[in-house]
Each structure stands twice: as structure tokens, then as C-alpha cells.
Full PDB file with SEQRES, HELIX, SHEET, SSBOND, CRYST1, ORIGX, SCALE, CONECT and MASTER records, all heavy atoms in Angstrom:
SEQRES   1 A   41  VAL VAL CYS SER GLY THR ASP ARG VAL ILE THR SER GLU          
SEQRES   2 A   41  ASP VAL LEU PHE ALA GLY ALA LEU VAL ASP ARG VAL GLU          
SEQRES   3 A   41  ILE LEU CYS GLU SER ASN GLN LEU GLU SER ILE ARG LEU          
SEQRES   4 A   41  THR ASP                                                      
HELIX    1 AA1 SER A   12  SER A   31  1                                  20    
CRYST1    1.000    1.000    1.000  90.00  90.00  90.00 P 1           1          
ORIGX1      1.000000  0.000000  0.000000        0.00000                         
ORIGX2      0.000000  1.000000  0.000000        0.00000                         
ORIGX3      0.000000  0.000000  1.000000        0.00000                         
SCALE1      1.000000  0.000000  0.000000        0.00000                         
SCALE2      0.000000  1.000000  0.000000        0.00000                         
SCALE3      0.000000  0.000000  1.000000        0.00000                         
ATOM      1  N   VAL A   1       0.860  -1.178   0.000  1.00  0.00           N  
ATOM      2  CA  VAL A   1       0.000   0.000   0.000  1.00  0.00           C  
ATOM      3  C   VAL A   1       0.895   1.226   0.000  1.00  0.00           C  
ATOM      4  O   VAL A   1       1.744   1.385   0.880  1.00  0.00           O  
ATOM      5  CB  VAL A   1      -0.923   0.035   1.236  1.00  0.00           C  
ATOM      6  CG1 VAL A   1      -1.828   1.268   1.178  1.00  0.00           C  
ATOM      7  CG2 VAL A   1      -1.745  -1.237   1.330  1.00  0.00           C  
ATOM      8  N   VAL A   2       0.716   2.086  -1.001  1.00  0.00           N  
ATOM      9  CA  VAL A   2       1.491   3.325  -1.092  1.00  0.00           C  
ATOM     10  C   VAL A   2       0.579   4.489  -0.706  1.00  0.00           C  
ATOM     11  O   VAL A   2      -0.366   4.817  -1.430  1.00  0.00           O  
ATOM     12  CB  VAL A   2       2.067   3.529  -2.502  1.00  0.00           C  
ATOM     13  CG1 VAL A   2       2.739   4.898  -2.605  1.00  0.00           C  
ATOM     14  CG2 VAL A   2       3.073   2.427  -2.834  1.00  0.00           C  
ATOM     15  N   CYS A   3       0.850   5.080   0.438  1.00  0.00           N  
ATOM     16  CA  CYS A   3       0.092   6.246   0.905  1.00  0.00           C  
ATOM     17  C   CYS A   3       0.648   7.504   0.240  1.00  0.00           C  
ATOM     18  O   CYS A   3       1.866   7.711   0.218  1.00  0.00           O  
ATOM     19  CB  CYS A   3       0.194   6.371   2.415  1.00  0.00           C  
ATOM     20  SG  CYS A   3      -0.400   4.938   3.339  1.00  0.00           S  
ATOM     21  N   SER A   4      -0.232   8.337  -0.280  1.00  0.00           N  
ATOM     22  CA  SER A   4       0.218   9.527  -1.008  1.00  0.00           C  
ATOM     23  C   SER A   4       0.729  10.625  -0.090  1.00  0.00           C  
ATOM     24  O   SER A   4       1.627  11.388  -0.461  1.00  0.00           O  
ATOM     25  CB  SER A   4      -0.922  10.072  -1.875  1.00  0.00           C  
ATOM     26  OG  SER A   4      -1.307   9.128  -2.844  1.00  0.00           O  
ATOM     27  N   GLY A   5       0.143  10.729   1.114  1.00  0.00           N  
ATOM     28  CA  GLY A   5       0.528  11.817   2.002  1.00  0.00           C  
ATOM     29  C   GLY A   5       0.037  13.164   1.488  1.00  0.00           C  
ATOM     30  O   GLY A   5      -0.669  13.255   0.480  1.00  0.00           O  
ATOM     31  N   THR A   6       0.418  14.203   2.195  1.00  0.00           N  
ATOM     32  CA  THR A   6       0.070  15.572   1.798  1.00  0.00           C  
ATOM     33  C   THR A   6       1.335  16.419   1.807  1.00  0.00           C  
ATOM     34  O   THR A   6       1.970  16.594   2.851  1.00  0.00           O  
ATOM     35  CB  THR A   6      -0.965  16.189   2.769  1.00  0.00           C  
ATOM     36  OG1 THR A   6      -2.166  15.418   2.719  1.00  0.00           O  
ATOM     37  CG2 THR A   6      -1.279  17.628   2.376  1.00  0.00           C  
ATOM     38  N   ASP A   7       1.696  16.901   0.640  1.00  0.00           N  
ATOM     39  CA  ASP A   7       2.894  17.739   0.514  1.00  0.00           C  
ATOM     40  C   ASP A   7       4.121  17.073   1.143  1.00  0.00           C  
ATOM     41  O   ASP A   7       4.882  17.685   1.890  1.00  0.00           O  
ATOM     42  CB  ASP A   7       2.652  19.113   1.146  1.00  0.00           C  
ATOM     43  CG  ASP A   7       1.553  19.891   0.438  1.00  0.00           C  
ATOM     44  OD1 ASP A   7       1.421  19.728  -0.791  1.00  0.00           O  
ATOM     45  OD2 ASP A   7       0.818  20.639   1.112  1.00  0.00           O  
ATOM     46  N   ARG A   8       4.257  15.756   0.856  1.00  0.00           N  
ATOM     47  CA  ARG A   8       5.397  14.962   1.315  1.00  0.00           C  
ATOM     48  C   ARG A   8       5.447  14.797   2.833  1.00  0.00           C  
ATOM     49  O   ARG A   8       6.515  14.592   3.417  1.00  0.00           O  
ATOM     50  CB  ARG A   8       6.714  15.553   0.790  1.00  0.00           C  
ATOM     51  CG  ARG A   8       6.801  15.542  -0.727  1.00  0.00           C  
ATOM     52  CD  ARG A   8       8.157  15.972  -1.213  1.00  0.00           C  
ATOM     53  NE  ARG A   8       8.237  15.860  -2.673  1.00  0.00           N  
ATOM     54  CZ  ARG A   8       9.337  16.135  -3.382  1.00  0.00           C  
ATOM     55  NH1 ARG A   8      10.443  16.514  -2.752  1.00  0.00           N  
ATOM     56  NH2 ARG A   8       9.342  16.010  -4.697  1.00  0.00           N  
ATOM     57  N   VAL A   9       4.290  14.872   3.457  1.00  0.00           N  
ATOM     58  CA  VAL A   9       4.164  14.619   4.895  1.00  0.00           C  
ATOM     59  C   VAL A   9       3.148  13.507   5.093  1.00  0.00           C  
ATOM     60  O   VAL A   9       2.108  13.469   4.420  1.00  0.00           O  
ATOM     61  CB  VAL A   9       3.723  15.892   5.646  1.00  0.00           C  
ATOM     62  CG1 VAL A   9       3.513  15.598   7.126  1.00  0.00           C  
ATOM     63  CG2 VAL A   9       4.746  17.003   5.467  1.00  0.00           C  
ATOM     64  N   ILE A  10       3.426  12.571   5.999  1.00  0.00           N  
ATOM     65  CA  ILE A  10       2.524  11.459   6.276  1.00  0.00           C  
ATOM     66  C   ILE A  10       1.184  11.990   6.773  1.00  0.00           C  
ATOM     67  O   ILE A  10       1.127  12.903   7.598  1.00  0.00           O  
ATOM     68  CB  ILE A  10       3.134  10.519   7.335  1.00  0.00           C  
ATOM     69  CG1 ILE A  10       4.420   9.894   6.807  1.00  0.00           C  
ATOM     70  CG2 ILE A  10       2.146   9.423   7.738  1.00  0.00           C  
ATOM     71  CD1 ILE A  10       5.218   9.141   7.868  1.00  0.00           C  
ATOM     72  N   THR A  11       0.096  11.401   6.268  1.00  0.00           N  
ATOM     73  CA  THR A  11      -1.241  11.813   6.681  1.00  0.00           C  
ATOM     74  C   THR A  11      -1.992  10.643   7.297  1.00  0.00           C  
ATOM     75  O   THR A  11      -1.934   9.521   6.806  1.00  0.00           O  
ATOM     76  CB  THR A  11      -2.046  12.359   5.494  1.00  0.00           C  
ATOM     77  OG1 THR A  11      -1.997  11.424   4.420  1.00  0.00           O  
ATOM     78  CG2 THR A  11      -1.498  13.676   5.023  1.00  0.00           C  
ATOM     79  N   SER A  12      -2.712  10.936   8.368  1.00  0.00           N  
ATOM     80  CA  SER A  12      -3.400   9.904   9.140  1.00  0.00           C  
ATOM     81  C   SER A  12      -4.451   9.178   8.318  1.00  0.00           C  
ATOM     82  O   SER A  12      -4.606   7.961   8.432  1.00  0.00           O  
ATOM     83  CB  SER A  12      -4.048  10.530  10.381  1.00  0.00           C  
ATOM     84  OG  SER A  12      -4.671   9.558  11.172  1.00  0.00           O  
ATOM     85  N   GLU A  13      -5.177   9.919   7.463  1.00  0.00           N  
ATOM     86  CA  GLU A  13      -6.281   9.268   6.739  1.00  0.00           C  
ATOM     87  C   GLU A  13      -5.787   8.181   5.790  1.00  0.00           C  
ATOM     88  O   GLU A  13      -6.428   7.136   5.634  1.00  0.00           O  
ATOM     89  CB  GLU A  13      -7.137  10.295   6.000  1.00  0.00           C  
ATOM     90  CG  GLU A  13      -6.482  10.995   4.826  1.00  0.00           C  
ATOM     91  CD  GLU A  13      -5.701  12.232   5.214  1.00  0.00           C  
ATOM     92  OE1 GLU A  13      -5.561  12.506   6.419  1.00  0.00           O  
ATOM     93  OE2 GLU A  13      -5.235  12.936   4.297  1.00  0.00           O  
ATOM     94  N   ASP A  14      -4.643   8.393   5.156  1.00  0.00           N  
ATOM     95  CA  ASP A  14      -4.101   7.364   4.260  1.00  0.00           C  
ATOM     96  C   ASP A  14      -3.605   6.155   5.053  1.00  0.00           C  
ATOM     97  O   ASP A  14      -3.800   5.007   4.649  1.00  0.00           O  
ATOM     98  CB  ASP A  14      -2.962   7.931   3.421  1.00  0.00           C  
ATOM     99  CG  ASP A  14      -3.432   8.908   2.360  1.00  0.00           C  
ATOM    100  OD1 ASP A  14      -4.659   9.020   2.140  1.00  0.00           O  
ATOM    101  OD2 ASP A  14      -2.578   9.580   1.751  1.00  0.00           O  
ATOM    102  N   VAL A  15      -2.961   6.414   6.189  1.00  0.00           N  
ATOM    103  CA  VAL A  15      -2.495   5.321   7.040  1.00  0.00           C  
ATOM    104  C   VAL A  15      -3.681   4.542   7.589  1.00  0.00           C  
ATOM    105  O   VAL A  15      -3.632   3.306   7.706  1.00  0.00           O  
ATOM    106  CB  VAL A  15      -1.613   5.863   8.183  1.00  0.00           C  
ATOM    107  CG1 VAL A  15      -1.170   4.726   9.108  1.00  0.00           C  
ATOM    108  CG2 VAL A  15      -0.393   6.588   7.617  1.00  0.00           C  
ATOM    109  N   LEU A  16      -4.771   5.222   7.891  1.00  0.00           N  
ATOM    110  CA  LEU A  16      -5.967   4.543   8.381  1.00  0.00           C  
ATOM    111  C   LEU A  16      -6.561   3.632   7.306  1.00  0.00           C  
ATOM    112  O   LEU A  16      -7.023   2.525   7.612  1.00  0.00           O  
ATOM    113  CB  LEU A  16      -7.012   5.559   8.848  1.00  0.00           C  
ATOM    114  CG  LEU A  16      -6.726   6.190  10.208  1.00  0.00           C  
ATOM    115  CD1 LEU A  16      -7.657   7.356  10.466  1.00  0.00           C  
ATOM    116  CD2 LEU A  16      -6.851   5.148  11.316  1.00  0.00           C  
ATOM    117  N   PHE A  17      -6.561   4.080   6.062  1.00  0.00           N  
ATOM    118  CA  PHE A  17      -7.009   3.182   4.990  1.00  0.00           C  
ATOM    119  C   PHE A  17      -6.137   1.942   4.950  1.00  0.00           C  
ATOM    120  O   PHE A  17      -6.632   0.811   4.866  1.00  0.00           O  
ATOM    121  CB  PHE A  17      -6.971   3.869   3.622  1.00  0.00           C  
ATOM    122  CG  PHE A  17      -7.061   2.876   2.493  1.00  0.00           C  
ATOM    123  CD1 PHE A  17      -8.283   2.397   2.058  1.00  0.00           C  
ATOM    124  CD2 PHE A  17      -5.900   2.381   1.900  1.00  0.00           C  
ATOM    125  CE1 PHE A  17      -8.364   1.450   1.044  1.00  0.00           C  
ATOM    126  CE2 PHE A  17      -5.959   1.434   0.883  1.00  0.00           C  
ATOM    127  CZ  PHE A  17      -7.203   0.962   0.456  1.00  0.00           C  
ATOM    128  N   ALA A  18      -4.822   2.141   4.994  1.00  0.00           N  
ATOM    129  CA  ALA A  18      -3.904   1.007   4.954  1.00  0.00           C  
ATOM    130  C   ALA A  18      -4.182   0.047   6.103  1.00  0.00           C  
ATOM    131  O   ALA A  18      -4.206  -1.182   5.915  1.00  0.00           O  
ATOM    132  CB  ALA A  18      -2.459   1.504   5.001  1.00  0.00           C  
ATOM    133  N   GLY A  19      -4.413   0.599   7.292  1.00  0.00           N  
ATOM    134  CA  GLY A  19      -4.708  -0.242   8.439  1.00  0.00           C  
ATOM    135  C   GLY A  19      -6.013  -0.985   8.309  1.00  0.00           C  
ATOM    136  O   GLY A  19      -6.120  -2.171   8.681  1.00  0.00           O  
ATOM    137  N   ALA A  20      -7.029  -0.304   7.783  1.00  0.00           N  
ATOM    138  CA  ALA A  20      -8.319  -0.964   7.564  1.00  0.00           C  
ATOM    139  C   ALA A  20      -8.179  -2.087   6.539  1.00  0.00           C  
ATOM    140  O   ALA A  20      -8.784  -3.161   6.685  1.00  0.00           O  
ATOM    141  CB  ALA A  20      -9.350   0.058   7.100  1.00  0.00           C  
ATOM    142  N   LEU A  21      -7.362  -1.857   5.520  1.00  0.00           N  
ATOM    143  CA  LEU A  21      -7.141  -2.889   4.505  1.00  0.00           C  
ATOM    144  C   LEU A  21      -6.443  -4.103   5.118  1.00  0.00           C  
ATOM    145  O   LEU A  21      -6.838  -5.253   4.869  1.00  0.00           O  
ATOM    146  CB  LEU A  21      -6.316  -2.321   3.353  1.00  0.00           C  
ATOM    147  CG  LEU A  21      -5.970  -3.301   2.230  1.00  0.00           C  
ATOM    148  CD1 LEU A  21      -7.227  -3.816   1.550  1.00  0.00           C  
ATOM    149  CD2 LEU A  21      -5.043  -2.657   1.213  1.00  0.00           C  
ATOM    150  N   VAL A  22      -5.416  -3.866   5.906  1.00  0.00           N  
ATOM    151  CA  VAL A  22      -4.715  -4.969   6.574  1.00  0.00           C  
ATOM    152  C   VAL A  22      -5.694  -5.762   7.434  1.00  0.00           C  
ATOM    153  O   VAL A  22      -5.723  -6.999   7.406  1.00  0.00           O  
ATOM    154  CB  VAL A  22      -3.556  -4.431   7.434  1.00  0.00           C  
ATOM    155  CG1 VAL A  22      -2.956  -5.566   8.274  1.00  0.00           C  
ATOM    156  CG2 VAL A  22      -2.477  -3.802   6.560  1.00  0.00           C  
ATOM    157  N   ASP A  23      -6.508  -5.051   8.190  1.00  0.00           N  
ATOM    158  CA  ASP A  23      -7.489  -5.697   9.059  1.00  0.00           C  
ATOM    159  C   ASP A  23      -8.463  -6.545   8.253  1.00  0.00           C  
ATOM    160  O   ASP A  23      -8.747  -7.702   8.620  1.00  0.00           O  
ATOM    161  CB  ASP A  23      -8.241  -4.626   9.849  1.00  0.00           C  
ATOM    162  CG  ASP A  23      -9.157  -5.209  10.911  1.00  0.00           C  
ATOM    163  OD1 ASP A  23      -8.754  -6.172  11.592  1.00  0.00           O  
ATOM    164  OD2 ASP A  23     -10.285  -4.702  11.065  1.00  0.00           O  
ATOM    165  N   ARG A  24      -8.970  -6.017   7.148  1.00  0.00           N  
ATOM    166  CA  ARG A  24      -9.919  -6.763   6.306  1.00  0.00           C  
ATOM    167  C   ARG A  24      -9.258  -8.000   5.709  1.00  0.00           C  
ATOM    168  O   ARG A  24      -9.880  -9.062   5.626  1.00  0.00           O  
ATOM    169  CB  ARG A  24     -10.454  -5.868   5.193  1.00  0.00           C  
ATOM    170  CG  ARG A  24     -11.251  -4.665   5.664  1.00  0.00           C  
ATOM    171  CD  ARG A  24     -12.569  -5.061   6.319  1.00  0.00           C  
ATOM    172  NE  ARG A  24     -13.298  -3.879   6.746  1.00  0.00           N  
ATOM    173  CZ  ARG A  24     -14.172  -3.208   5.995  1.00  0.00           C  
ATOM    174  NH1 ARG A  24     -14.413  -3.629   4.756  1.00  0.00           N  
ATOM    175  NH2 ARG A  24     -14.793  -2.157   6.467  1.00  0.00           N  
ATOM    176  N   VAL A  25      -8.024  -7.876   5.261  1.00  0.00           N  
ATOM    177  CA  VAL A  25      -7.329  -9.027   4.674  1.00  0.00           C  
ATOM    178  C   VAL A  25      -7.133 -10.119   5.725  1.00  0.00           C  
ATOM    179  O   VAL A  25      -7.330 -11.311   5.451  1.00  0.00           O  
ATOM    180  CB  VAL A  25      -5.976  -8.601   4.062  1.00  0.00           C  
ATOM    181  CG1 VAL A  25      -5.140  -9.821   3.700  1.00  0.00           C  
ATOM    182  CG2 VAL A  25      -6.207  -7.734   2.819  1.00  0.00           C  
ATOM    183  N   GLU A  26      -6.763  -9.734   6.932  1.00  0.00           N  
ATOM    184  CA  GLU A  26      -6.593 -10.726   7.999  1.00  0.00           C  
ATOM    185  C   GLU A  26      -7.912 -11.436   8.303  1.00  0.00           C  
ATOM    186  O   GLU A  26      -7.944 -12.661   8.515  1.00  0.00           O  
ATOM    187  CB  GLU A  26      -6.042 -10.054   9.248  1.00  0.00           C  
ATOM    188  CG  GLU A  26      -4.590  -9.651   9.138  1.00  0.00           C  
ATOM    189  CD  GLU A  26      -3.994  -9.230  10.460  1.00  0.00           C  
ATOM    190  OE1 GLU A  26      -4.635  -8.421  11.167  1.00  0.00           O  
ATOM    191  OE2 GLU A  26      -2.893  -9.696  10.783  1.00  0.00           O  
ATOM    192  N   ILE A  27      -8.993 -10.688   8.323  1.00  0.00           N  
ATOM    193  CA  ILE A  27     -10.313 -11.279   8.572  1.00  0.00           C  
ATOM    194  C   ILE A  27     -10.686 -12.250   7.460  1.00  0.00           C  
ATOM    195  O   ILE A  27     -11.199 -13.352   7.710  1.00  0.00           O  
ATOM    196  CB  ILE A  27     -11.377 -10.174   8.718  1.00  0.00           C  
ATOM    197  CG1 ILE A  27     -11.143  -9.383  10.013  1.00  0.00           C  
ATOM    198  CG2 ILE A  27     -12.786 -10.763   8.703  1.00  0.00           C  
ATOM    199  CD1 ILE A  27     -11.995  -8.136  10.133  1.00  0.00           C  
ATOM    200  N   LEU A  28     -10.412 -11.863   6.213  1.00  0.00           N  
ATOM    201  CA  LEU A  28     -10.710 -12.740   5.076  1.00  0.00           C  
ATOM    202  C   LEU A  28      -9.890 -14.025   5.134  1.00  0.00           C  
ATOM    203  O   LEU A  28     -10.394 -15.111   4.838  1.00  0.00           O  
ATOM    204  CB  LEU A  28     -10.449 -12.006   3.756  1.00  0.00           C  
ATOM    205  CG  LEU A  28     -11.467 -10.947   3.354  1.00  0.00           C  
ATOM    206  CD1 LEU A  28     -10.950 -10.143   2.166  1.00  0.00           C  
ATOM    207  CD2 LEU A  28     -12.809 -11.596   3.004  1.00  0.00           C  
ATOM    208  N   CYS A  29      -8.626 -13.901   5.512  1.00  0.00           N  
ATOM    209  CA  CYS A  29      -7.775 -15.091   5.633  1.00  0.00           C  
ATOM    210  C   CYS A  29      -8.343 -16.050   6.672  1.00  0.00           C  
ATOM    211  O   CYS A  29      -8.419 -17.261   6.447  1.00  0.00           O  
ATOM    212  CB  CYS A  29      -6.349 -14.690   6.019  1.00  0.00           C  
ATOM    213  SG  CYS A  29      -5.403 -13.937   4.680  1.00  0.00           S  
ATOM    214  N   GLU A  30      -8.764 -15.491   7.794  1.00  0.00           N  
ATOM    215  CA  GLU A  30      -9.293 -16.330   8.867  1.00  0.00           C  
ATOM    216  C   GLU A  30     -10.613 -16.980   8.472  1.00  0.00           C  
ATOM    217  O   GLU A  30     -10.819 -18.190   8.684  1.00  0.00           O  
ATOM    218  CB  GLU A  30      -9.478 -15.491  10.127  1.00  0.00           C  
ATOM    219  CG  GLU A  30      -9.973 -16.301  11.319  1.00  0.00           C  
ATOM    220  CD  GLU A  30     -10.072 -15.465  12.583  1.00  0.00           C  
ATOM    221  OE1 GLU A  30      -9.656 -14.283  12.557  1.00  0.00           O  
ATOM    222  OE2 GLU A  30     -10.562 -15.997  13.597  1.00  0.00           O  
ATOM    223  N   SER A  31     -11.510 -16.198   7.865  1.00  0.00           N  
ATOM    224  CA  SER A  31     -12.828 -16.728   7.522  1.00  0.00           C  
ATOM    225  C   SER A  31     -12.766 -17.753   6.398  1.00  0.00           C  
ATOM    226  O   SER A  31     -13.634 -18.632   6.307  1.00  0.00           O  
ATOM    227  CB  SER A  31     -13.774 -15.584   7.134  1.00  0.00           C  
ATOM    228  OG  SER A  31     -13.311 -14.907   5.982  1.00  0.00           O  
ATOM    229  N   ASN A  32     -11.742 -17.639   5.548  1.00  0.00           N  
ATOM    230  CA  ASN A  32     -11.585 -18.584   4.445  1.00  0.00           C  
ATOM    231  C   ASN A  32     -10.570 -19.680   4.742  1.00  0.00           C  
ATOM    232  O   ASN A  32     -10.204 -20.455   3.862  1.00  0.00           O  
ATOM    233  CB  ASN A  32     -11.173 -17.840   3.168  1.00  0.00           C  
ATOM    234  CG  ASN A  32     -12.297 -16.991   2.599  1.00  0.00           C  
ATOM    235  OD1 ASN A  32     -13.237 -17.507   2.009  1.00  0.00           O  
ATOM    236  ND2 ASN A  32     -12.214 -15.686   2.799  1.00  0.00           N  
ATOM    237  N   GLN A  33     -10.121 -19.740   6.000  1.00  0.00           N  
ATOM    238  CA  GLN A  33      -9.159 -20.737   6.458  1.00  0.00           C  
ATOM    239  C   GLN A  33      -7.899 -20.753   5.586  1.00  0.00           C  
ATOM    240  O   GLN A  33      -7.389 -21.800   5.194  1.00  0.00           O  
ATOM    241  CB  GLN A  33      -9.807 -22.133   6.483  1.00  0.00           C  
ATOM    242  CG  GLN A  33     -10.954 -22.240   7.481  1.00  0.00           C  
ATOM    243  CD  GLN A  33     -11.514 -23.645   7.574  1.00  0.00           C  
ATOM    244  OE1 GLN A  33     -11.648 -24.341   6.572  1.00  0.00           O  
ATOM    245  NE2 GLN A  33     -11.830 -24.067   8.783  1.00  0.00           N  
ATOM    246  N   LEU A  34      -7.403 -19.544   5.315  1.00  0.00           N  
ATOM    247  CA  LEU A  34      -6.185 -19.388   4.539  1.00  0.00           C  
ATOM    248  C   LEU A  34      -5.002 -19.149   5.473  1.00  0.00           C  
ATOM    249  O   LEU A  34      -5.172 -18.757   6.630  1.00  0.00           O  
ATOM    250  CB  LEU A  34      -6.325 -18.208   3.566  1.00  0.00           C  
ATOM    251  CG  LEU A  34      -7.478 -18.280   2.562  1.00  0.00           C  
ATOM    252  CD1 LEU A  34      -7.558 -16.990   1.774  1.00  0.00           C  
ATOM    253  CD2 LEU A  34      -7.322 -19.470   1.630  1.00  0.00           C  
ATOM    254  N   GLU A  35      -3.830 -19.371   4.947  1.00  0.00           N  
ATOM    255  CA  GLU A  35      -2.601 -19.088   5.705  1.00  0.00           C  
ATOM    256  C   GLU A  35      -2.595 -17.618   6.122  1.00  0.00           C  
ATOM    257  O   GLU A  35      -2.940 -16.726   5.337  1.00  0.00           O  
ATOM    258  CB  GLU A  35      -1.380 -19.369   4.829  1.00  0.00           C  
ATOM    259  CG  GLU A  35      -0.055 -19.161   5.512  1.00  0.00           C  
ATOM    260  CD  GLU A  35       0.380 -20.371   6.329  1.00  0.00           C  
ATOM    261  OE1 GLU A  35       0.003 -21.496   5.959  1.00  0.00           O  
ATOM    262  OE2 GLU A  35       1.093 -20.169   7.311  1.00  0.00           O  
ATOM    263  N   SER A  36      -2.234 -17.348   7.370  1.00  0.00           N  
ATOM    264  CA  SER A  36      -2.174 -15.968   7.835  1.00  0.00           C  
ATOM    265  C   SER A  36      -1.173 -15.181   6.996  1.00  0.00           C  
ATOM    266  O   SER A  36      -0.081 -15.656   6.691  1.00  0.00           O  
ATOM    267  CB  SER A  36      -1.755 -15.917   9.307  1.00  0.00           C  
ATOM    268  OG  SER A  36      -2.731 -16.530  10.111  1.00  0.00           O  
ATOM    269  N   ILE A  37      -1.562 -13.977   6.635  1.00  0.00           N  
ATOM    270  CA  ILE A  37      -0.701 -13.144   5.805  1.00  0.00           C  
ATOM    271  C   ILE A  37       0.462 -12.618   6.643  1.00  0.00           C  
ATOM    272  O   ILE A  37       0.323 -12.384   7.855  1.00  0.00           O  
ATOM    273  CB  ILE A  37      -1.508 -11.988   5.187  1.00  0.00           C  
ATOM    274  CG1 ILE A  37      -0.781 -11.373   3.997  1.00  0.00           C  
ATOM    275  CG2 ILE A  37      -1.848 -10.935   6.236  1.00  0.00           C  
ATOM    276  CD1 ILE A  37      -1.673 -10.600   3.075  1.00  0.00           C  
ATOM    277  N   ARG A  38       1.614 -12.454   6.034  1.00  0.00           N  
ATOM    278  CA  ARG A  38       2.788 -11.931   6.736  1.00  0.00           C  
ATOM    279  C   ARG A  38       2.803 -10.408   6.603  1.00  0.00           C  
ATOM    280  O   ARG A  38       2.738  -9.880   5.493  1.00  0.00           O  
ATOM    281  CB  ARG A  38       4.070 -12.518   6.148  1.00  0.00           C  
ATOM    282  CG  ARG A  38       5.320 -12.155   6.954  1.00  0.00           C  
ATOM    283  CD  ARG A  38       6.521 -12.973   6.514  1.00  0.00           C  
ATOM    284  NE  ARG A  38       6.988 -12.585   5.202  1.00  0.00           N  
ATOM    285  CZ  ARG A  38       7.853 -11.580   4.975  1.00  0.00           C  
ATOM    286  NH1 ARG A  38       8.318 -10.876   5.994  1.00  0.00           N  
ATOM    287  NH2 ARG A  38       8.243 -11.298   3.759  1.00  0.00           N  
ATOM    288  N   LEU A  39       2.880  -9.738   7.741  1.00  0.00           N  
ATOM    289  CA  LEU A  39       2.817  -8.283   7.763  1.00  0.00           C  
ATOM    290  C   LEU A  39       4.192  -7.698   8.064  1.00  0.00           C  
ATOM    291  O   LEU A  39       4.910  -8.188   8.927  1.00  0.00           O  
ATOM    292  CB  LEU A  39       1.831  -7.801   8.827  1.00  0.00           C  
ATOM    293  CG  LEU A  39       0.398  -8.324   8.741  1.00  0.00           C  
ATOM    294  CD1 LEU A  39      -0.418  -7.752   9.902  1.00  0.00           C  
ATOM    295  CD2 LEU A  39      -0.239  -7.972   7.412  1.00  0.00           C  
ATOM    296  N   THR A  40       4.526  -6.629   7.362  1.00  0.00           N  
ATOM    297  CA  THR A  40       5.724  -5.878   7.715  1.00  0.00           C  
ATOM    298  C   THR A  40       5.424  -5.033   8.952  1.00  0.00           C  
ATOM    299  O   THR A  40       4.264  -4.890   9.371  1.00  0.00           O  
ATOM    300  CB  THR A  40       6.162  -4.966   6.561  1.00  0.00           C  
ATOM    301  OG1 THR A  40       5.124  -3.988   6.334  1.00  0.00           O  
ATOM    302  CG2 THR A  40       6.405  -5.765   5.289  1.00  0.00           C  
ATOM    303  N   ASP A  41       6.467  -4.448   9.523  1.00  0.00           N  
ATOM    304  CA  ASP A  41       6.267  -3.616  10.714  1.00  0.00           C  
ATOM    305  C   ASP A  41       5.353  -2.431  10.420  1.00  0.00           C  
ATOM    306  O   ASP A  41       4.501  -2.069  11.253  1.00  0.00           O  
ATOM    307  CB  ASP A  41       7.613  -3.109  11.238  1.00  0.00           C  
ATOM    308  CG  ASP A  41       8.410  -4.190  11.954  1.00  0.00           C  
ATOM    309  OD1 ASP A  41       7.863  -5.298  12.154  1.00  0.00           O  
ATOM    310  OD2 ASP A  41       9.584  -3.939  12.307  1.00  0.00           O  
TER     311      ASP A  41                                                      
MASTER        0    0    0    1    0    0    0    6  310    1    0    4          
END                                                                             
């Protein structure tokens, strides 16, 4: 996930999307009995 930021500064709303996406993917993996996804820091 590449967050665009604002004027080359990190923005919370983009990071929140990334976090929501990670959360949804983890839920999908669990509900579909898939291997847990490996997350970077």
C-alpha cells in the first residue's frame, strides 16, 4: 500500500485506509481458512 501523504508529509487518513485494509485481509484469511498473511512492521 502506497500512501500519497500531503505535501510529502505522512497523513493519518491514508495510514488509516492502509490499516483498515490490513485488518480486512486478515479477517478474510481467517474466515476462508487461509494461511495468515505476513505483515511488515
